[in-house]
Protein backbone atom coordinates (compact mmCIF):
# COMPACT_ATOMS: atom_id res chain seq x y z
CA MET A 1 9.93 19.20 -9.96
CA THR A 2 10.77 21.19 -6.87
CA GLY A 3 10.02 24.42 -5.06
CA ALA A 4 7.19 26.53 -6.49
CA ALA A 5 6.15 23.76 -8.88
CA ASP A 6 5.33 21.51 -5.92
CA ARG A 7 3.19 24.14 -4.24
CA GLU A 8 1.23 24.57 -7.47
CA LEU A 9 0.16 20.94 -7.70
CA PRO A 10 -3.62 20.59 -8.10
CA ARG A 11 -5.30 19.94 -4.76
CA LEU A 12 -7.29 16.80 -4.05
CA ALA A 13 -10.14 17.70 -1.68
CA VAL A 14 -11.00 14.87 0.70
CA ASP A 15 -13.77 13.87 3.10
CA ASP A 16 -12.75 12.53 6.50
CA LEU A 17 -14.78 9.37 7.15
CA GLY A 18 -13.39 9.11 10.67
CA PRO A 19 -11.09 6.83 12.65
CA ILE A 20 -11.05 3.12 11.90
CA GLN A 21 -12.35 0.83 14.65
CA ILE A 22 -11.61 -2.90 14.84
CA ALA A 23 -13.21 -5.71 16.84
CA ALA A 24 -12.47 -9.39 17.26
CA ARG A 25 -14.98 -11.64 15.55
CA GLY A 26 -18.03 -12.13 17.73
CA SER A 27 -17.05 -9.29 20.06
CA ALA A 28 -18.93 -6.03 20.55
CA ALA A 29 -15.85 -4.27 21.98
CA ALA A 30 -13.99 -2.12 19.46
CA THR A 31 -10.58 -0.43 19.59
CA PRO A 32 -9.02 2.15 17.25
CA LEU A 33 -6.65 0.97 14.52
CA ALA A 34 -3.30 2.76 14.50
CA GLY A 35 -0.46 2.54 12.00
CA GLY A 36 -2.64 1.87 8.95
CA SER A 37 -0.35 0.81 6.10
CA GLY A 38 -2.24 -0.98 3.34
CA LEU A 39 -5.73 -1.05 1.86
CA ALA A 40 -7.30 -3.29 -0.78
CA ARG A 41 -10.88 -3.67 -1.98
CA ALA A 42 -12.37 -6.98 -3.05
CA GLY A 43 -16.01 -6.92 -4.13
CA GLU A 44 -18.14 -5.68 -1.24
CA TRP A 45 -15.27 -5.70 1.23
CA VAL A 46 -12.35 -3.41 2.03
CA HIS A 47 -9.38 -4.96 3.81
CA LEU A 48 -6.73 -3.06 5.74
CA VAL A 49 -3.47 -3.82 7.52
CA ALA A 50 -1.43 -1.80 10.00
CA ASP A 51 2.35 -2.03 9.96
CA ASP A 52 2.77 -3.10 13.60
CA GLU A 53 -0.44 -5.12 13.90
CA HIS A 54 -0.84 -8.89 13.55
CA ARG A 55 -4.39 -8.65 12.19
CA ILE A 56 -6.19 -8.03 8.92
CA CYS A 57 -9.09 -5.60 9.35
CA SER A 58 -12.11 -6.06 7.09
CA LEU A 59 -15.15 -3.84 6.66
CA ARG A 60 -18.06 -3.53 4.27
CA SER A 61 -17.63 -0.68 1.80
CA ASP A 62 -21.23 0.41 2.43
CA ASP A 63 -20.91 0.48 6.23
CA VAL A 64 -17.70 2.28 7.21
CA ALA A 65 -19.10 3.32 10.59
CA ARG A 66 -19.21 -0.29 11.79
CA ALA A 67 -16.13 -1.71 13.51
CA ALA A 68 -13.98 -3.80 11.19
CA ASP A 69 -13.68 -7.55 11.65
CA ALA A 70 -10.19 -8.75 12.66
CA THR A 71 -8.41 -11.83 11.28
CA VAL A 72 -5.08 -12.82 12.84
CA PHE A 73 -2.25 -13.53 10.38
CA ARG A 74 0.55 -13.81 12.96
CA GLU A 75 0.26 -15.26 16.45
CA GLY A 76 1.04 -13.15 19.50
CA ASP A 77 0.32 -9.55 20.40
CA PRO A 78 2.46 -6.54 19.45
CA HIS A 79 4.88 -5.60 22.24
CA ALA A 80 3.78 -2.87 24.65
CA ASP A 81 7.15 -1.09 24.58
CA ALA A 82 7.26 1.26 21.58
CA ALA A 83 10.90 0.61 20.66
CA VAL A 84 10.56 -3.19 20.91
CA ARG A 85 7.24 -3.02 19.07
CA LYS A 86 8.90 -1.18 16.19
CA ALA A 87 11.87 -3.56 16.06
CA THR A 88 9.74 -6.73 16.04
CA LYS A 89 6.72 -5.70 13.99
CA PRO A 90 5.89 -7.61 10.77
CA ASP A 91 5.66 -4.28 8.91
CA VAL A 92 3.16 -5.46 6.29
CA GLU A 93 2.98 -2.39 4.06
CA ALA A 94 1.57 -3.70 0.77
CA LEU A 95 -1.84 -5.33 0.44
CA LEU A 96 -3.27 -6.55 -2.86
CA VAL A 97 -6.01 -8.76 -4.23
CA VAL A 98 -4.77 -11.39 -6.69
CA GLU A 99 -6.98 -13.28 -9.11
CA GLY A 100 -5.83 -16.36 -11.00
CA ARG A 101 -6.17 -20.12 -11.40
CA GLY A 102 -9.77 -20.00 -10.25
CA ARG A 103 -8.93 -18.28 -6.98
CA LEU A 104 -9.33 -14.86 -5.42
CA GLN A 105 -6.70 -14.20 -2.75
CA LEU A 106 -5.65 -11.40 -0.43
CA VAL A 107 -1.88 -10.99 -0.17
CA GLY A 108 0.12 -8.97 2.35
CA LEU A 109 3.81 -8.22 1.82
CA GLY A 110 6.34 -7.20 4.47
CA SER A 111 8.44 -4.14 3.67
CA GLY A 112 11.75 -6.02 3.70
CA SER A 113 13.42 -3.12 5.52
CA THR A 114 14.85 -5.50 8.18
CA GLU A 115 15.38 -9.27 8.37
CA ARG A 116 12.20 -9.60 10.48
CA ARG A 117 10.16 -7.93 7.73
CA ARG A 118 10.87 -10.31 4.84
CA SER A 119 7.68 -12.38 4.92
CA GLY A 120 4.01 -11.91 4.17
CA PHE A 121 0.74 -13.81 4.08
CA VAL A 122 -1.93 -15.07 1.72
CA VAL A 123 -5.57 -15.88 2.51
CA ALA A 124 -8.47 -16.98 0.32
CA LEU A 125 -11.44 -14.70 -0.41
CA ASP A 126 -14.98 -15.79 -1.25
CA GLY A 127 -17.06 -14.58 -4.18
CA HIS A 128 -18.10 -11.45 -2.29
CA GLY A 129 -14.54 -10.53 -1.33
CA ALA A 130 -14.78 -11.65 2.31
CA ILE A 131 -11.98 -13.61 3.97
CA ASP A 132 -12.62 -17.33 3.59
CA GLY A 133 -10.10 -19.35 5.57
CA GLU A 134 -6.94 -18.95 7.61
CA PRO A 135 -3.93 -16.90 6.44
CA ARG A 136 -0.73 -18.73 5.49
CA GLU A 137 2.78 -17.29 5.76
CA VAL A 138 4.78 -16.61 2.59
CA GLU A 139 8.57 -16.27 2.72
CA LEU A 140 9.85 -13.38 0.57
CA GLY A 141 13.61 -13.43 1.21
CA GLY A 142 14.68 -14.82 -2.16
CA LEU A 143 12.61 -12.32 -4.11
CA TYR A 144 13.74 -9.41 -1.95
CA ASP A 145 17.41 -10.35 -2.40
CA ALA A 146 16.89 -10.18 -6.16
CA ILE A 147 15.20 -6.77 -6.01
CA THR A 148 17.96 -5.24 -3.88
CA PRO A 149 21.37 -6.87 -4.48
CA PRO A 150 24.44 -5.72 -2.50
CA GLY A 151 25.33 -2.08 -3.12
CA ARG A 152 21.82 -1.07 -4.18
CA PRO A 153 19.51 1.25 -2.19
CA GLU A 154 17.79 -0.22 0.85
CA LEU A 155 14.53 -2.12 0.39
CA ASN A 156 11.13 -0.82 1.49
CA VAL A 157 8.23 -2.42 -0.39
CA GLU A 158 5.19 -0.17 0.10
CA GLY A 159 2.66 -1.03 -2.60
CA ALA A 160 1.66 -3.81 -4.97
CA VAL A 161 -0.89 -4.37 -7.73
CA GLN A 162 -1.77 -7.08 -10.21
CA ALA A 163 -1.44 -5.65 -13.72
CA ALA A 164 -2.47 -7.94 -16.59
CA GLY A 165 0.07 -10.80 -16.52
CA ASP A 166 2.42 -9.08 -14.08
CA VAL A 167 2.54 -8.04 -10.45
CA LEU A 168 4.07 -4.62 -9.76
CA LEU A 169 5.85 -3.80 -6.50
CA LEU A 170 6.43 -0.16 -5.58
CA VAL A 171 9.64 0.29 -3.62
CA ARG A 172 9.95 3.42 -1.54
CA SER A 173 13.09 5.46 -1.02
CA SER A 174 13.73 8.26 1.47
CA THR A 175 16.31 9.77 -0.90
CA GLY A 176 14.24 9.87 -4.08
CA GLU A 177 15.45 6.56 -5.58
CA ASN A 178 11.98 4.99 -5.80
CA ARG A 179 11.76 1.83 -7.88
CA LEU A 180 9.17 -0.23 -9.72
CA ALA A 181 9.78 -4.00 -9.61
CA ARG A 182 7.91 -6.04 -12.22
CA LEU A 183 7.20 -9.68 -11.33
CA ASP A 184 6.05 -12.55 -13.51
CA GLY A 185 2.41 -13.14 -12.55
CA ALA A 186 2.50 -16.93 -12.99
CA ARG A 187 5.60 -17.30 -10.84
CA PHE A 188 4.07 -15.01 -8.23
CA LEU A 189 1.09 -17.37 -8.01
CA ASP A 190 3.49 -20.31 -7.77
CA GLY A 191 5.22 -18.61 -4.84
CA LEU A 192 1.92 -18.04 -3.05
CA ALA A 193 1.02 -21.71 -3.50
CA SER A 194 4.39 -22.99 -2.25
CA GLY A 195 4.78 -20.47 0.56
CA SER A 196 8.10 -19.15 -0.75
CA MET A 197 8.73 -16.41 -3.32
CA GLY A 198 12.05 -16.92 -5.13
CA ARG A 199 14.38 -14.87 -7.31
CA GLY A 200 12.88 -16.28 -10.49
CA ALA A 201 9.68 -14.26 -10.07
CA LEU A 202 11.51 -10.97 -10.77
CA ARG A 203 11.43 -9.62 -14.32
CA SER A 204 12.87 -6.12 -14.00
CA VAL A 205 13.54 -3.19 -11.65
CA ASP A 206 13.33 0.40 -12.88
CA ARG A 207 13.80 3.73 -11.14
CA VAL A 208 10.80 6.08 -10.95
CA GLU A 209 11.16 9.85 -10.55
CA LEU A 210 8.42 11.13 -8.21
CA GLY A 211 9.77 14.62 -7.52
CA THR A 212 9.52 16.44 -4.20
CA LEU A 213 7.04 18.21 -1.97
CA GLU A 214 8.30 21.40 -0.35
CA GLY A 215 11.83 20.23 -1.02
CA ILE A 216 11.38 16.78 0.59
CA PRO A 217 11.67 13.76 -1.75
CA LEU A 218 8.44 11.87 -2.32
CA GLY A 219 8.44 8.17 -1.55
CA PHE A 220 5.92 5.54 -2.63
CA THR A 221 3.41 4.46 0.05
CA ASP A 222 0.86 2.34 -1.88
CA ALA A 223 -0.72 1.58 -5.25
CA LEU A 224 -4.05 0.70 -6.80
CA ARG A 225 -5.15 -0.58 -10.18
CA HIS A 226 -8.30 0.87 -11.75
CA ASP A 227 -9.57 0.80 -15.32
CA GLY A 228 -6.28 -0.62 -16.59
CA ARG A 229 -4.14 2.10 -15.01
CA THR A 230 -1.78 2.18 -12.05
CA TRP A 231 -2.24 4.90 -9.45
CA PHE A 232 0.06 5.48 -6.49
CA SER A 233 0.24 7.38 -3.25
CA ALA A 234 3.46 8.95 -2.04
CA ALA A 235 4.51 10.88 1.06
CA ALA A 236 7.19 13.48 1.64
CA GLU A 237 8.78 12.36 4.90
CA ASP A 238 12.00 13.90 6.19
CA THR A 239 13.87 10.74 7.18
CA PRO A 240 17.33 9.40 6.20
CA ASN A 241 16.37 5.73 5.91
CA ALA A 242 13.62 3.09 5.68
CA TYR A 243 13.50 2.43 9.43
CA ASP A 244 13.26 5.76 11.24
CA ASP A 245 10.16 7.95 11.13
CA GLY A 246 10.38 11.64 10.30
CA GLN A 247 8.28 14.76 9.89
CA VAL A 248 5.75 14.41 7.08
CA VAL A 249 5.14 17.45 4.87
CA GLY A 250 2.20 15.91 3.02
CA SER A 251 1.09 13.30 0.51
CA VAL A 252 0.16 13.05 -3.16
CA LEU A 253 -1.95 10.81 -5.34
CA GLY A 254 -0.31 10.09 -8.67
CA LEU A 255 -0.72 8.23 -11.95
CA LEU A 256 1.84 6.10 -13.80
CA ASP A 257 1.85 5.21 -17.49
CA ASP A 258 2.53 1.67 -18.69
CA ASP A 259 6.29 2.37 -18.73
CA GLY A 260 6.34 3.52 -15.12
CA HIS A 261 6.60 7.25 -15.77
CA VAL A 262 4.61 9.74 -13.69
CA VAL A 263 1.92 11.43 -15.79
CA GLY A 264 -0.04 13.16 -13.03
CA ARG A 265 0.22 14.24 -9.36
CA TRP A 266 -2.42 15.71 -7.03
CA ARG A 267 -1.65 16.95 -3.53
CA VAL A 268 -3.88 15.50 -0.82
CA ASP A 269 -5.45 18.59 0.76
CA VAL A 270 -4.76 17.59 4.38
CA PRO A 271 -1.58 19.28 5.70
CA GLY A 272 0.91 16.82 7.12
CA ALA A 273 -1.18 13.75 6.35
CA LYS A 274 0.75 10.57 5.61
CA VAL A 275 -1.41 8.51 3.27
CA GLU A 276 -0.26 4.89 3.51
CA GLY A 277 -2.98 2.86 1.77
CA ILE A 278 -5.28 3.48 -1.20
CA ASP A 279 -7.89 1.74 -3.33
CA VAL A 280 -10.98 2.62 -5.36
CA VAL A 281 -14.57 2.04 -4.32
CA GLY A 282 -17.23 2.46 -7.03
CA MET A 283 -16.99 2.70 -10.80
CA GLY A 284 -17.17 5.36 -13.53
CA ARG A 285 -17.94 8.86 -12.33
CA ALA A 286 -18.77 7.44 -8.91
CA ALA A 287 -15.23 6.08 -8.46
CA THR A 288 -13.89 7.21 -5.08
CA VAL A 289 -10.39 6.80 -3.73
CA TRP A 290 -10.30 5.58 -0.14
CA MET A 291 -7.12 6.45 1.74
CA VAL A 292 -5.88 5.28 5.14
CA THR A 293 -3.50 7.50 7.12
CA ASP A 294 -0.67 6.66 9.49
CA ALA A 295 0.54 9.06 12.19
CA ASP A 296 3.52 6.78 13.01
CA ALA A 297 2.31 6.55 16.61
CA HIS A 298 0.60 3.49 18.09
CA ASP A 299 -1.71 5.67 20.22
CA VAL A 300 -2.99 7.86 17.34
CA PRO A 301 -5.85 6.25 15.35
CA SER A 302 -5.59 5.90 11.60
CA ARG A 303 -8.26 7.76 9.68
CA LEU A 304 -10.14 6.85 6.54
CA LEU A 305 -10.26 9.59 3.90
CA ALA A 306 -12.24 9.63 0.65
CA ALA A 307 -11.89 11.70 -2.53
CA PRO A 308 -13.25 11.53 -6.08
CA LEU A 309 -10.79 9.83 -8.42
CA PRO A 310 -9.26 12.67 -10.50
CA ALA A 311 -10.45 12.95 -14.09
CA VAL A 312 -7.64 12.13 -16.53
CA PRO A 313 -7.37 11.87 -20.34
CA PRO A 314 -8.22 8.51 -21.92
CA ARG A 315 -5.49 5.89 -21.95
CA GLY A 316 -2.74 6.78 -24.37
CA VAL A 317 -3.51 10.50 -24.52
CA ALA A 318 -1.65 11.38 -21.31
CA GLU A 319 1.29 9.28 -22.42
CA ARG A 320 1.49 11.08 -25.78
CA LEU A 321 1.26 14.47 -24.05
CA ARG A 322 4.16 13.51 -21.79
CA ARG A 323 6.30 12.70 -24.79
């Protein structure tokens, strides 16, 4: 899927809801959020993270103009120097809501692209989806070693969703070797409870062919689960590795079948936009995909985009057509 075929992808028209503003709890002062990397909806609330921030940003889905509340998950402020900031950032790229054992929890996962980025956090949510407590750190080194053993492509976890009894991790590649890691849901919950995610949680790792955009390989950036199906976002970024930033050609929204094959792609109709986080707000025909962008610059605010969720054939039909 290259060349002319990429340019002929159906376009996904979006509305720009504006830059995201954040404020400390109890403060009227707001500052722009930059480096948006993950987005997850829980009930009435939408939670976001930024890859070099130490805070979770939370806003009501019916009041996007209001500054988001901020909850600290790692002590200390990001470094003022851009190079040091990049080298020391937690790089939480995947954000998901996990339900199980009578609990609703928000989980953030570091990308794993450096030794400093191999941890995450978990925090309880109340019945409305709001944060209810203090975040706890979760060590991910054992799991990440299992996903990427020696000699395999570098690790860059970008998206995660809870799917029935499993948890799916979307692993991005700058060279087209994207992967889908399937975790045992019960062992994932055990890891959250203990604060350490081990090798035993991993069930399988499979390669996923995403294609290209204007000749640049697409790499996973996030995932969402809606109506029993897994959707993903991916960006075409001209970079040789998981650490360095590069020029972004554009982004797509896509759909996976239950076996991890791509059964649909739509090009986000914003030239050069790097969509880093996605989730759905609303149900049925009112279902809307919210997307957060990242300009890979700490002084450029992330923006919130919205688009109708593309209409697709009922479950099973698209999979049969693919075959």
